[in-house]
mmCIF file of all heavy atoms, coordinates in Angstrom:
data_MODEL
# 
_entry.id   MODEL 
# 
loop_
_atom_site.group_PDB 
_atom_site.id 
_atom_site.type_symbol 
_atom_site.label_atom_id 
_atom_site.label_alt_id 
_atom_site.label_comp_id 
_atom_site.label_asym_id 
_atom_site.label_entity_id 
_atom_site.label_seq_id 
_atom_site.pdbx_PDB_ins_code 
_atom_site.Cartn_x 
_atom_site.Cartn_y 
_atom_site.Cartn_z 
_atom_site.occupancy 
_atom_site.B_iso_or_equiv 
_atom_site.pdbx_formal_charge 
_atom_site.auth_seq_id 
_atom_site.auth_comp_id 
_atom_site.auth_asym_id 
_atom_site.auth_atom_id 
_atom_site.pdbx_PDB_model_num 
ATOM 1   N N   . ASP A 1 1  ? 296.959 -64.033 -48.482 1.00 0.00 ? 1  ASP A N   1 
ATOM 2   C CA  . ASP A 1 1  ? 296.874 -65.409 -48.995 1.00 0.00 ? 1  ASP A CA  1 
ATOM 3   C C   . ASP A 1 1  ? 297.185 -66.522 -48.030 1.00 0.00 ? 1  ASP A C   1 
ATOM 4   O O   . ASP A 1 1  ? 296.997 -67.684 -48.289 1.00 0.00 ? 1  ASP A O   1 
ATOM 5   C CB  . ASP A 1 1  ? 297.768 -65.551 -50.198 1.00 0.00 ? 1  ASP A CB  1 
ATOM 6   C CG  . ASP A 1 1  ? 299.200 -65.180 -49.943 1.00 0.00 ? 1  ASP A CG  1 
ATOM 7   O OD1 . ASP A 1 1  ? 299.536 -64.777 -48.852 1.00 0.00 ? 1  ASP A OD1 1 
ATOM 8   O OD2 . ASP A 1 1  ? 300.069 -65.319 -50.819 1.00 0.00 ? 1  ASP A OD2 1 
ATOM 9   N N   . TRP A 1 2  ? 297.613 -66.164 -46.808 1.00 0.00 ? 2  TRP A N   1 
ATOM 10  C CA  . TRP A 1 2  ? 297.932 -67.217 -45.854 1.00 0.00 ? 2  TRP A CA  1 
ATOM 11  C C   . TRP A 1 2  ? 296.809 -67.606 -44.872 1.00 0.00 ? 2  TRP A C   1 
ATOM 12  O O   . TRP A 1 2  ? 296.888 -68.552 -44.171 1.00 0.00 ? 2  TRP A O   1 
ATOM 13  C CB  . TRP A 1 2  ? 299.226 -66.840 -45.037 1.00 0.00 ? 2  TRP A CB  1 
ATOM 14  C CG  . TRP A 1 2  ? 299.088 -65.604 -44.190 1.00 0.00 ? 2  TRP A CG  1 
ATOM 15  C CD1 . TRP A 1 2  ? 299.392 -64.352 -44.543 1.00 0.00 ? 2  TRP A CD1 1 
ATOM 16  C CD2 . TRP A 1 2  ? 298.625 -65.619 -42.828 1.00 0.00 ? 2  TRP A CD2 1 
ATOM 17  N NE1 . TRP A 1 2  ? 299.167 -63.499 -43.484 1.00 0.00 ? 2  TRP A NE1 1 
ATOM 18  C CE2 . TRP A 1 2  ? 298.694 -64.215 -42.412 1.00 0.00 ? 2  TRP A CE2 1 
ATOM 19  C CE3 . TRP A 1 2  ? 298.177 -66.533 -41.978 1.00 0.00 ? 2  TRP A CE3 1 
ATOM 20  C CZ2 . TRP A 1 2  ? 298.352 -63.834 -41.143 1.00 0.00 ? 2  TRP A CZ2 1 
ATOM 21  C CZ3 . TRP A 1 2  ? 297.803 -66.105 -40.695 1.00 0.00 ? 2  TRP A CZ3 1 
ATOM 22  C CH2 . TRP A 1 2  ? 297.902 -64.780 -40.267 1.00 0.00 ? 2  TRP A CH2 1 
ATOM 23  N N   . PHE A 1 3  ? 295.722 -66.856 -44.932 1.00 0.00 ? 3  PHE A N   1 
ATOM 24  C CA  . PHE A 1 3  ? 294.577 -67.228 -44.129 1.00 0.00 ? 3  PHE A CA  1 
ATOM 25  C C   . PHE A 1 3  ? 293.267 -66.896 -44.835 1.00 0.00 ? 3  PHE A C   1 
ATOM 26  O O   . PHE A 1 3  ? 293.231 -66.258 -45.822 1.00 0.00 ? 3  PHE A O   1 
ATOM 27  C CB  . PHE A 1 3  ? 294.621 -66.373 -42.777 1.00 0.00 ? 3  PHE A CB  1 
ATOM 28  C CG  . PHE A 1 3  ? 294.277 -64.935 -42.866 1.00 0.00 ? 3  PHE A CG  1 
ATOM 29  C CD1 . PHE A 1 3  ? 293.003 -64.455 -42.820 1.00 0.00 ? 3  PHE A CD1 1 
ATOM 30  C CD2 . PHE A 1 3  ? 295.360 -63.979 -43.059 1.00 0.00 ? 3  PHE A CD2 1 
ATOM 31  C CE1 . PHE A 1 3  ? 292.760 -63.087 -42.885 1.00 0.00 ? 3  PHE A CE1 1 
ATOM 32  C CE2 . PHE A 1 3  ? 295.063 -62.629 -43.146 1.00 0.00 ? 3  PHE A CE2 1 
ATOM 33  C CZ  . PHE A 1 3  ? 293.831 -62.191 -43.049 1.00 0.00 ? 3  PHE A CZ  1 
ATOM 34  N N   . SER A 1 4  ? 292.167 -67.518 -44.281 1.00 0.00 ? 4  SER A N   1 
ATOM 35  C CA  . SER A 1 4  ? 290.841 -67.314 -44.821 1.00 0.00 ? 4  SER A CA  1 
ATOM 36  C C   . SER A 1 4  ? 289.914 -66.976 -43.658 1.00 0.00 ? 4  SER A C   1 
ATOM 37  O O   . SER A 1 4  ? 290.116 -67.432 -42.512 1.00 0.00 ? 4  SER A O   1 
ATOM 38  C CB  . SER A 1 4  ? 290.330 -68.531 -45.577 1.00 0.00 ? 4  SER A CB  1 
ATOM 39  O OG  . SER A 1 4  ? 290.288 -69.677 -44.748 1.00 0.00 ? 4  SER A OG  1 
ATOM 40  N N   . PHE A 1 5  ? 288.911 -66.206 -43.885 1.00 0.00 ? 5  PHE A N   1 
ATOM 41  C CA  . PHE A 1 5  ? 288.015 -65.723 -42.812 1.00 0.00 ? 5  PHE A CA  1 
ATOM 42  C C   . PHE A 1 5  ? 287.017 -66.823 -42.468 1.00 0.00 ? 5  PHE A C   1 
ATOM 43  O O   . PHE A 1 5  ? 286.457 -67.497 -43.346 1.00 0.00 ? 5  PHE A O   1 
ATOM 44  C CB  . PHE A 1 5  ? 287.273 -64.509 -43.278 1.00 0.00 ? 5  PHE A CB  1 
ATOM 45  C CG  . PHE A 1 5  ? 288.168 -63.275 -43.374 1.00 0.00 ? 5  PHE A CG  1 
ATOM 46  C CD1 . PHE A 1 5  ? 288.654 -62.774 -44.508 1.00 0.00 ? 5  PHE A CD1 1 
ATOM 47  C CD2 . PHE A 1 5  ? 288.493 -62.635 -42.117 1.00 0.00 ? 5  PHE A CD2 1 
ATOM 48  C CE1 . PHE A 1 5  ? 289.429 -61.672 -44.575 1.00 0.00 ? 5  PHE A CE1 1 
ATOM 49  C CE2 . PHE A 1 5  ? 289.332 -61.517 -42.156 1.00 0.00 ? 5  PHE A CE2 1 
ATOM 50  C CZ  . PHE A 1 5  ? 289.826 -61.081 -43.382 1.00 0.00 ? 5  PHE A CZ  1 
ATOM 51  N N   . ILE A 1 6  ? 286.732 -66.955 -41.202 1.00 0.00 ? 6  ILE A N   1 
ATOM 52  C CA  . ILE A 1 6  ? 285.700 -67.820 -40.676 1.00 0.00 ? 6  ILE A CA  1 
ATOM 53  C C   . ILE A 1 6  ? 284.379 -66.969 -40.562 1.00 0.00 ? 6  ILE A C   1 
ATOM 54  O O   . ILE A 1 6  ? 283.305 -67.506 -40.792 1.00 0.00 ? 6  ILE A O   1 
ATOM 55  C CB  . ILE A 1 6  ? 286.001 -68.386 -39.323 1.00 0.00 ? 6  ILE A CB  1 
ATOM 56  C CG1 . ILE A 1 6  ? 287.267 -69.257 -39.404 1.00 0.00 ? 6  ILE A CG1 1 
ATOM 57  C CG2 . ILE A 1 6  ? 284.890 -69.196 -38.725 1.00 0.00 ? 6  ILE A CG2 1 
ATOM 58  C CD1 . ILE A 1 6  ? 287.817 -69.703 -38.054 1.00 0.00 ? 6  ILE A CD1 1 
ATOM 59  N N   . ASN A 1 7  ? 284.534 -65.735 -40.231 1.00 0.00 ? 7  ASN A N   1 
ATOM 60  C CA  . ASN A 1 7  ? 283.370 -64.856 -40.130 1.00 0.00 ? 7  ASN A CA  1 
ATOM 61  C C   . ASN A 1 7  ? 283.669 -63.642 -41.137 1.00 0.00 ? 7  ASN A C   1 
ATOM 62  O O   . ASN A 1 7  ? 284.269 -63.867 -42.129 1.00 0.00 ? 7  ASN A O   1 
ATOM 63  C CB  . ASN A 1 7  ? 283.031 -64.342 -38.738 1.00 0.00 ? 7  ASN A CB  1 
ATOM 64  C CG  . ASN A 1 7  ? 284.215 -63.583 -38.083 1.00 0.00 ? 7  ASN A CG  1 
ATOM 65  O OD1 . ASN A 1 7  ? 285.230 -63.371 -38.742 1.00 0.00 ? 7  ASN A OD1 1 
ATOM 66  N ND2 . ASN A 1 7  ? 284.018 -63.148 -36.830 1.00 0.00 ? 7  ASN A ND2 1 
ATOM 67  N N   . PHE A 1 8  ? 283.229 -62.505 -40.795 1.00 0.00 ? 8  PHE A N   1 
ATOM 68  C CA  . PHE A 1 8  ? 283.299 -61.340 -41.702 1.00 0.00 ? 8  PHE A CA  1 
ATOM 69  C C   . PHE A 1 8  ? 284.687 -60.677 -41.701 1.00 0.00 ? 8  PHE A C   1 
ATOM 70  O O   . PHE A 1 8  ? 285.347 -60.613 -40.663 1.00 0.00 ? 8  PHE A O   1 
ATOM 71  C CB  . PHE A 1 8  ? 282.195 -60.389 -41.375 1.00 0.00 ? 8  PHE A CB  1 
ATOM 72  C CG  . PHE A 1 8  ? 280.850 -61.016 -41.360 1.00 0.00 ? 8  PHE A CG  1 
ATOM 73  C CD1 . PHE A 1 8  ? 280.231 -61.200 -40.102 1.00 0.00 ? 8  PHE A CD1 1 
ATOM 74  C CD2 . PHE A 1 8  ? 280.193 -61.450 -42.518 1.00 0.00 ? 8  PHE A CD2 1 
ATOM 75  C CE1 . PHE A 1 8  ? 278.964 -61.861 -40.050 1.00 0.00 ? 8  PHE A CE1 1 
ATOM 76  C CE2 . PHE A 1 8  ? 279.022 -62.001 -42.440 1.00 0.00 ? 8  PHE A CE2 1 
ATOM 77  C CZ  . PHE A 1 8  ? 278.361 -62.223 -41.235 1.00 0.00 ? 8  PHE A CZ  1 
ATOM 78  N N   . ASP A 1 9  ? 285.002 -60.001 -42.839 1.00 0.00 ? 9  ASP A N   1 
ATOM 79  C CA  . ASP A 1 9  ? 286.252 -59.242 -42.899 1.00 0.00 ? 9  ASP A CA  1 
ATOM 80  C C   . ASP A 1 9  ? 285.989 -57.785 -42.559 1.00 0.00 ? 9  ASP A C   1 
ATOM 81  O O   . ASP A 1 9  ? 286.930 -56.968 -42.435 1.00 0.00 ? 9  ASP A O   1 
ATOM 82  C CB  . ASP A 1 9  ? 286.923 -59.378 -44.241 1.00 0.00 ? 9  ASP A CB  1 
ATOM 83  C CG  . ASP A 1 9  ? 286.098 -58.826 -45.358 1.00 0.00 ? 9  ASP A CG  1 
ATOM 84  O OD1 . ASP A 1 9  ? 284.840 -58.666 -45.187 1.00 0.00 ? 9  ASP A OD1 1 
ATOM 85  O OD2 . ASP A 1 9  ? 286.641 -58.592 -46.459 1.00 0.00 ? 9  ASP A OD2 1 
ATOM 86  N N   . ARG A 1 10 ? 284.695 -57.400 -42.345 1.00 0.00 ? 10 ARG A N   1 
ATOM 87  C CA  . ARG A 1 10 ? 284.375 -56.024 -41.976 1.00 0.00 ? 10 ARG A CA  1 
ATOM 88  C C   . ARG A 1 10 ? 283.293 -56.081 -40.928 1.00 0.00 ? 10 ARG A C   1 
ATOM 89  O O   . ARG A 1 10 ? 282.436 -56.932 -40.936 1.00 0.00 ? 10 ARG A O   1 
ATOM 90  C CB  . ARG A 1 10 ? 283.728 -55.309 -43.175 1.00 0.00 ? 10 ARG A CB  1 
ATOM 91  C CG  . ARG A 1 10 ? 284.715 -55.063 -44.296 1.00 0.00 ? 10 ARG A CG  1 
ATOM 92  C CD  . ARG A 1 10 ? 284.045 -54.219 -45.419 1.00 0.00 ? 10 ARG A CD  1 
ATOM 93  N NE  . ARG A 1 10 ? 285.024 -54.010 -46.497 1.00 0.00 ? 10 ARG A NE  1 
ATOM 94  C CZ  . ARG A 1 10 ? 286.022 -53.193 -46.430 1.00 0.00 ? 10 ARG A CZ  1 
ATOM 95  N NH1 . ARG A 1 10 ? 286.169 -52.444 -45.361 1.00 0.00 ? 10 ARG A NH1 1 
ATOM 96  N NH2 . ARG A 1 10 ? 286.885 -53.020 -47.441 1.00 0.00 ? 10 ARG A NH2 1 
ATOM 97  N N   . GLN A 1 11 ? 283.338 -55.008 -40.027 1.00 0.00 ? 11 GLN A N   1 
ATOM 98  C CA  . GLN A 1 11 ? 282.373 -54.897 -38.932 1.00 0.00 ? 11 GLN A CA  1 
ATOM 99  C C   . GLN A 1 11 ? 282.189 -53.377 -38.695 1.00 0.00 ? 11 GLN A C   1 
ATOM 100 O O   . GLN A 1 11 ? 283.074 -52.629 -38.953 1.00 0.00 ? 11 GLN A O   1 
ATOM 101 C CB  . GLN A 1 11 ? 282.879 -55.538 -37.634 1.00 0.00 ? 11 GLN A CB  1 
ATOM 102 C CG  . GLN A 1 11 ? 283.110 -57.047 -37.810 1.00 0.00 ? 11 GLN A CG  1 
ATOM 103 C CD  . GLN A 1 11 ? 283.734 -57.640 -36.561 1.00 0.00 ? 11 GLN A CD  1 
ATOM 104 O OE1 . GLN A 1 11 ? 283.323 -57.231 -35.412 1.00 0.00 ? 11 GLN A OE1 1 
ATOM 105 N NE2 . GLN A 1 11 ? 284.671 -58.499 -36.723 1.00 0.00 ? 11 GLN A NE2 1 
ATOM 106 N N   . GLN A 1 12 ? 281.051 -53.119 -38.096 1.00 0.00 ? 12 GLN A N   1 
ATOM 107 C CA  . GLN A 1 12 ? 280.773 -51.760 -37.686 1.00 0.00 ? 12 GLN A CA  1 
ATOM 108 C C   . GLN A 1 12 ? 280.448 -51.859 -36.233 1.00 0.00 ? 12 GLN A C   1 
ATOM 109 O O   . GLN A 1 12 ? 279.575 -52.632 -35.826 1.00 0.00 ? 12 GLN A O   1 
ATOM 110 C CB  . GLN A 1 12 ? 279.611 -51.079 -38.420 1.00 0.00 ? 12 GLN A CB  1 
ATOM 111 C CG  . GLN A 1 12 ? 279.547 -49.564 -38.056 1.00 0.00 ? 12 GLN A CG  1 
ATOM 112 C CD  . GLN A 1 12 ? 278.572 -48.825 -38.897 1.00 0.00 ? 12 GLN A CD  1 
ATOM 113 O OE1 . GLN A 1 12 ? 277.360 -49.000 -38.671 1.00 0.00 ? 12 GLN A OE1 1 
ATOM 114 N NE2 . GLN A 1 12 ? 279.036 -48.093 -39.846 1.00 0.00 ? 12 GLN A NE2 1 
ATOM 115 N N   . ILE A 1 13 ? 281.167 -51.068 -35.449 1.00 0.00 ? 13 ILE A N   1 
ATOM 116 C CA  . ILE A 1 13 ? 280.931 -51.035 -33.976 1.00 0.00 ? 13 ILE A CA  1 
ATOM 117 C C   . ILE A 1 13 ? 280.841 -49.643 -33.513 1.00 0.00 ? 13 ILE A C   1 
ATOM 118 O O   . ILE A 1 13 ? 281.184 -48.668 -34.245 1.00 0.00 ? 13 ILE A O   1 
ATOM 119 C CB  . ILE A 1 13 ? 282.115 -51.740 -33.241 1.00 0.00 ? 13 ILE A CB  1 
ATOM 120 C CG1 . ILE A 1 13 ? 283.425 -51.038 -33.479 1.00 0.00 ? 13 ILE A CG1 1 
ATOM 121 C CG2 . ILE A 1 13 ? 282.222 -53.239 -33.608 1.00 0.00 ? 13 ILE A CG2 1 
ATOM 122 C CD1 . ILE A 1 13 ? 284.586 -51.571 -32.540 1.00 0.00 ? 13 ILE A CD1 1 
ATOM 123 N N   . GLU A 1 14 ? 280.199 -49.398 -32.391 1.00 0.00 ? 14 GLU A N   1 
ATOM 124 C CA  . GLU A 1 14 ? 280.156 -48.103 -31.699 1.00 0.00 ? 14 GLU A CA  1 
ATOM 125 C C   . GLU A 1 14 ? 281.001 -48.074 -30.510 1.00 0.00 ? 14 GLU A C   1 
ATOM 126 O O   . GLU A 1 14 ? 281.016 -48.999 -29.785 1.00 0.00 ? 14 GLU A O   1 
ATOM 127 C CB  . GLU A 1 14 ? 278.718 -47.755 -31.329 1.00 0.00 ? 14 GLU A CB  1 
ATOM 128 C CG  . GLU A 1 14 ? 277.854 -47.380 -32.504 1.00 0.00 ? 14 GLU A CG  1 
ATOM 129 C CD  . GLU A 1 14 ? 276.512 -46.750 -32.093 1.00 0.00 ? 14 GLU A CD  1 
ATOM 130 O OE1 . GLU A 1 14 ? 276.311 -46.480 -30.867 1.00 0.00 ? 14 GLU A OE1 1 
ATOM 131 O OE2 . GLU A 1 14 ? 275.748 -46.521 -32.974 1.00 0.00 ? 14 GLU A OE2 1 
ATOM 132 N N   . VAL A 1 15 ? 281.802 -47.003 -30.396 1.00 0.00 ? 15 VAL A N   1 
ATOM 133 C CA  . VAL A 1 15 ? 282.757 -46.833 -29.291 1.00 0.00 ? 15 VAL A CA  1 
ATOM 134 C C   . VAL A 1 15 ? 282.365 -45.591 -28.532 1.00 0.00 ? 15 VAL A C   1 
ATOM 135 O O   . VAL A 1 15 ? 282.391 -44.492 -29.108 1.00 0.00 ? 15 VAL A O   1 
ATOM 136 C CB  . VAL A 1 15 ? 284.194 -46.834 -29.703 1.00 0.00 ? 15 VAL A CB  1 
ATOM 137 C CG1 . VAL A 1 15 ? 285.079 -46.826 -28.479 1.00 0.00 ? 15 VAL A CG1 1 
ATOM 138 C CG2 . VAL A 1 15 ? 284.487 -48.041 -30.629 1.00 0.00 ? 15 VAL A CG2 1 
ATOM 139 N N   . ALA A 1 16 ? 282.037 -45.716 -27.240 1.00 0.00 ? 16 ALA A N   1 
ATOM 140 C CA  . ALA A 1 16 ? 281.639 -44.612 -26.418 1.00 0.00 ? 16 ALA A CA  1 
ATOM 141 C C   . ALA A 1 16 ? 282.846 -43.646 -26.225 1.00 0.00 ? 16 ALA A C   1 
ATOM 142 O O   . ALA A 1 16 ? 284.044 -44.038 -26.410 1.00 0.00 ? 16 ALA A O   1 
ATOM 143 C CB  . ALA A 1 16 ? 281.126 -45.068 -25.094 1.00 0.00 ? 16 ALA A CB  1 
ATOM 144 N N   . PRO A 1 17 ? 282.635 -42.412 -25.796 1.00 0.00 ? 17 PRO A N   1 
ATOM 145 C CA  . PRO A 1 17 ? 283.736 -41.505 -25.490 1.00 0.00 ? 17 PRO A CA  1 
ATOM 146 C C   . PRO A 1 17 ? 284.574 -42.069 -24.404 1.00 0.00 ? 17 PRO A C   1 
ATOM 147 O O   . PRO A 1 17 ? 284.093 -42.621 -23.430 1.00 0.00 ? 17 PRO A O   1 
ATOM 148 C CB  . PRO A 1 17 ? 283.070 -40.241 -25.019 1.00 0.00 ? 17 PRO A CB  1 
ATOM 149 C CG  . PRO A 1 17 ? 281.663 -40.315 -25.414 1.00 0.00 ? 17 PRO A CG  1 
ATOM 150 C CD  . PRO A 1 17 ? 281.353 -41.799 -25.614 1.00 0.00 ? 17 PRO A CD  1 
ATOM 151 N N   . ASN A 1 18 ? 285.912 -41.927 -24.459 1.00 0.00 ? 18 ASN A N   1 
ATOM 152 C CA  . ASN A 1 18 ? 286.876 -42.389 -23.433 1.00 0.00 ? 18 ASN A CA  1 
ATOM 153 C C   . ASN A 1 18 ? 286.630 -43.883 -23.063 1.00 0.00 ? 18 ASN A C   1 
ATOM 154 O O   . ASN A 1 18 ? 286.629 -44.243 -21.948 1.00 0.00 ? 18 ASN A O   1 
ATOM 155 C CB  . ASN A 1 18 ? 286.771 -41.509 -22.187 1.00 0.00 ? 18 ASN A CB  1 
ATOM 156 C CG  . ASN A 1 18 ? 287.193 -40.042 -22.521 1.00 0.00 ? 18 ASN A CG  1 
ATOM 157 O OD1 . ASN A 1 18 ? 288.262 -39.872 -22.987 1.00 0.00 ? 18 ASN A OD1 1 
ATOM 158 N ND2 . ASN A 1 18 ? 286.275 -39.144 -22.202 1.00 0.00 ? 18 ASN A ND2 1 
ATOM 159 N N   . ALA A 1 19 ? 286.439 -44.666 -24.140 1.00 0.00 ? 19 ALA A N   1 
ATOM 160 C CA  . ALA A 1 19 ? 286.231 -46.077 -23.917 1.00 0.00 ? 19 ALA A CA  1 
ATOM 161 C C   . ALA A 1 19 ? 286.837 -46.868 -25.084 1.00 0.00 ? 19 ALA A C   1 
ATOM 162 O O   . ALA A 1 19 ? 287.443 -46.306 -26.014 1.00 0.00 ? 19 ALA A O   1 
ATOM 163 C CB  . ALA A 1 19 ? 284.715 -46.379 -23.888 1.00 0.00 ? 19 ALA A CB  1 
ATOM 164 N N   . SER A 1 20 ? 286.715 -48.195 -24.980 1.00 0.00 ? 20 SER A N   1 
ATOM 165 C CA  . SER A 1 20 ? 287.267 -49.062 -26.061 1.00 0.00 ? 20 SER A CA  1 
ATOM 166 C C   . SER A 1 20 ? 286.222 -50.201 -26.344 1.00 0.00 ? 20 SER A C   1 
ATOM 167 O O   . SER A 1 20 ? 285.520 -50.553 -25.391 1.00 0.00 ? 20 SER A O   1 
ATOM 168 C CB  . SER A 1 20 ? 288.659 -49.554 -25.731 1.00 0.00 ? 20 SER A CB  1 
ATOM 169 O OG  . SER A 1 20 ? 288.577 -50.361 -24.532 1.00 0.00 ? 20 SER A OG  1 
ATOM 170 N N   . GLU A 1 21 ? 286.295 -50.753 -27.538 1.00 0.00 ? 21 GLU A N   1 
ATOM 171 C CA  . GLU A 1 21 ? 285.422 -51.852 -27.904 1.00 0.00 ? 21 GLU A CA  1 
ATOM 172 C C   . GLU A 1 21 ? 286.270 -52.740 -28.822 1.00 0.00 ? 21 GLU A C   1 
ATOM 173 O O   . GLU A 1 21 ? 287.221 -52.296 -29.450 1.00 0.00 ? 21 GLU A O   1 
ATOM 174 C CB  . GLU A 1 21 ? 284.188 -51.408 -28.676 1.00 0.00 ? 21 GLU A CB  1 
ATOM 175 C CG  . GLU A 1 21 ? 283.179 -50.635 -27.858 1.00 0.00 ? 21 GLU A CG  1 
ATOM 176 C CD  . GLU A 1 21 ? 282.465 -51.469 -26.762 1.00 0.00 ? 21 GLU A CD  1 
ATOM 177 O OE1 . GLU A 1 21 ? 282.352 -52.727 -26.986 1.00 0.00 ? 21 GLU A OE1 1 
ATOM 178 O OE2 . GLU A 1 21 ? 282.051 -50.955 -25.771 1.00 0.00 ? 21 GLU A OE2 1 
ATOM 179 N N   . ASN A 1 22 ? 285.848 -54.055 -28.847 1.00 0.00 ? 22 ASN A N   1 
ATOM 180 C CA  . ASN A 1 22 ? 286.612 -54.989 -29.684 1.00 0.00 ? 22 ASN A CA  1 
ATOM 181 C C   . ASN A 1 22 ? 285.767 -55.318 -30.927 1.00 0.00 ? 22 ASN A C   1 
ATOM 182 O O   . ASN A 1 22 ? 284.585 -55.504 -30.867 1.00 0.00 ? 22 ASN A O   1 
ATOM 183 C CB  . ASN A 1 22 ? 286.815 -56.327 -28.948 1.00 0.00 ? 22 ASN A CB  1 
ATOM 184 C CG  . ASN A 1 22 ? 287.917 -56.136 -27.944 1.00 0.00 ? 22 ASN A CG  1 
ATOM 185 O OD1 . ASN A 1 22 ? 288.740 -55.308 -28.000 1.00 0.00 ? 22 ASN A OD1 1 
ATOM 186 N ND2 . ASN A 1 22 ? 287.892 -56.986 -26.905 1.00 0.00 ? 22 ASN A ND2 1 
ATOM 187 N N   . ALA A 1 23 ? 286.425 -55.385 -32.105 1.00 0.00 ? 23 ALA A N   1 
ATOM 188 C CA  . ALA A 1 23 ? 285.931 -55.994 -33.273 1.00 0.00 ? 23 ALA A CA  1 
ATOM 189 C C   . ALA A 1 23 ? 286.700 -57.336 -33.329 1.00 0.00 ? 23 ALA A C   1 
ATOM 190 O O   . ALA A 1 23 ? 287.913 -57.396 -33.295 1.00 0.00 ? 23 ALA A O   1 
ATOM 191 C CB  . ALA A 1 23 ? 286.228 -55.140 -34.552 1.00 0.00 ? 23 ALA A CB  1 
ATOM 192 N N   . VAL A 1 24 ? 285.899 -58.437 -33.433 1.00 0.00 ? 24 VAL A N   1 
ATOM 193 C CA  . VAL A 1 24 ? 286.532 -59.764 -33.385 1.00 0.00 ? 24 VAL A CA  1 
ATOM 194 C C   . VAL A 1 24 ? 286.494 -60.429 -34.775 1.00 0.00 ? 24 VAL A C   1 
ATOM 195 O O   . VAL A 1 24 ? 285.447 -60.524 -35.430 1.00 0.00 ? 24 VAL A O   1 
ATOM 196 C CB  . VAL A 1 24 ? 285.872 -60.696 -32.307 1.00 0.00 ? 24 VAL A CB  1 
ATOM 197 C CG1 . VAL A 1 24 ? 286.520 -62.044 -32.337 1.00 0.00 ? 24 VAL A CG1 1 
ATOM 198 C CG2 . VAL A 1 24 ? 285.882 -60.001 -30.964 1.00 0.00 ? 24 VAL A CG2 1 
ATOM 199 N N   . PHE A 1 25 ? 287.697 -60.819 -35.246 1.00 0.00 ? 25 PHE A N   1 
ATOM 200 C CA  . PHE A 1 25 ? 287.813 -61.419 -36.565 1.00 0.00 ? 25 PHE A CA  1 
ATOM 201 C C   . PHE A 1 25 ? 288.181 -62.892 -36.437 1.00 0.00 ? 25 PHE A C   1 
ATOM 202 O O   . PHE A 1 25 ? 289.191 -63.209 -35.798 1.00 0.00 ? 25 PHE A O   1 
ATOM 203 C CB  . PHE A 1 25 ? 288.880 -60.714 -37.416 1.00 0.00 ? 25 PHE A CB  1 
ATOM 204 C CG  . PHE A 1 25 ? 288.545 -59.263 -37.717 1.00 0.00 ? 25 PHE A CG  1 
ATOM 205 C CD1 . PHE A 1 25 ? 288.944 -58.232 -36.891 1.00 0.00 ? 25 PHE A CD1 1 
ATOM 206 C CD2 . PHE A 1 25 ? 287.684 -58.966 -38.794 1.00 0.00 ? 25 PHE A CD2 1 
ATOM 207 C CE1 . PHE A 1 25 ? 288.605 -56.904 -37.197 1.00 0.00 ? 25 PHE A CE1 1 
ATOM 208 C CE2 . PHE A 1 25 ? 287.312 -57.667 -39.042 1.00 0.00 ? 25 PHE A CE2 1 
ATOM 209 C CZ  . PHE A 1 25 ? 287.790 -56.683 -38.283 1.00 0.00 ? 25 PHE A CZ  1 
ATOM 210 N N   . GLY A 1 26 ? 287.436 -63.759 -37.046 1.00 0.00 ? 26 GLY A N   1 
ATOM 211 C CA  . GLY A 1 26 ? 287.715 -65.205 -37.014 1.00 0.00 ? 26 GLY A CA  1 
ATOM 212 C C   . GLY A 1 26 ? 288.407 -65.585 -38.283 1.00 0.00 ? 26 GLY A C   1 
ATOM 213 O O   . GLY A 1 26 ? 287.911 -65.172 -39.335 1.00 0.00 ? 26 GLY A O   1 
ATOM 214 N N   . PHE A 1 27 ? 289.495 -66.315 -38.211 1.00 0.00 ? 27 PHE A N   1 
ATOM 215 C CA  . PHE A 1 27 ? 290.176 -66.726 -39.418 1.00 0.00 ? 27 PHE A CA  1 
ATOM 216 C C   . PHE A 1 27 ? 290.896 -68.058 -39.187 1.00 0.00 ? 27 PHE A C   1 
ATOM 217 O O   . PHE A 1 27 ? 291.068 -68.525 -38.104 1.00 0.00 ? 27 PHE A O   1 
ATOM 218 C CB  . PHE A 1 27 ? 291.161 -65.666 -39.911 1.00 0.00 ? 27 PHE A CB  1 
ATOM 219 C CG  . PHE A 1 27 ? 292.285 -65.363 -39.036 1.00 0.00 ? 27 PHE A CG  1 
ATOM 220 C CD1 . PHE A 1 27 ? 293.471 -66.086 -39.125 1.00 0.00 ? 27 PHE A CD1 1 
ATOM 221 C CD2 . PHE A 1 27 ? 292.186 -64.452 -37.970 1.00 0.00 ? 27 PHE A CD2 1 
ATOM 222 C CE1 . PHE A 1 27 ? 294.555 -65.796 -38.297 1.00 0.00 ? 27 PHE A CE1 1 
ATOM 223 C CE2 . PHE A 1 27 ? 293.262 -64.179 -37.142 1.00 0.00 ? 27 PHE A CE2 1 
ATOM 224 C CZ  . PHE A 1 27 ? 294.414 -64.907 -37.283 1.00 0.00 ? 27 PHE A CZ  1 
# 
């Protein structure tokens, strides 16, 4: 209740083996 989303609250990303990726949430 203290924030609202600017973009989506859910995302689907692909992360390669032995790697990392970011999901970015705007609020």
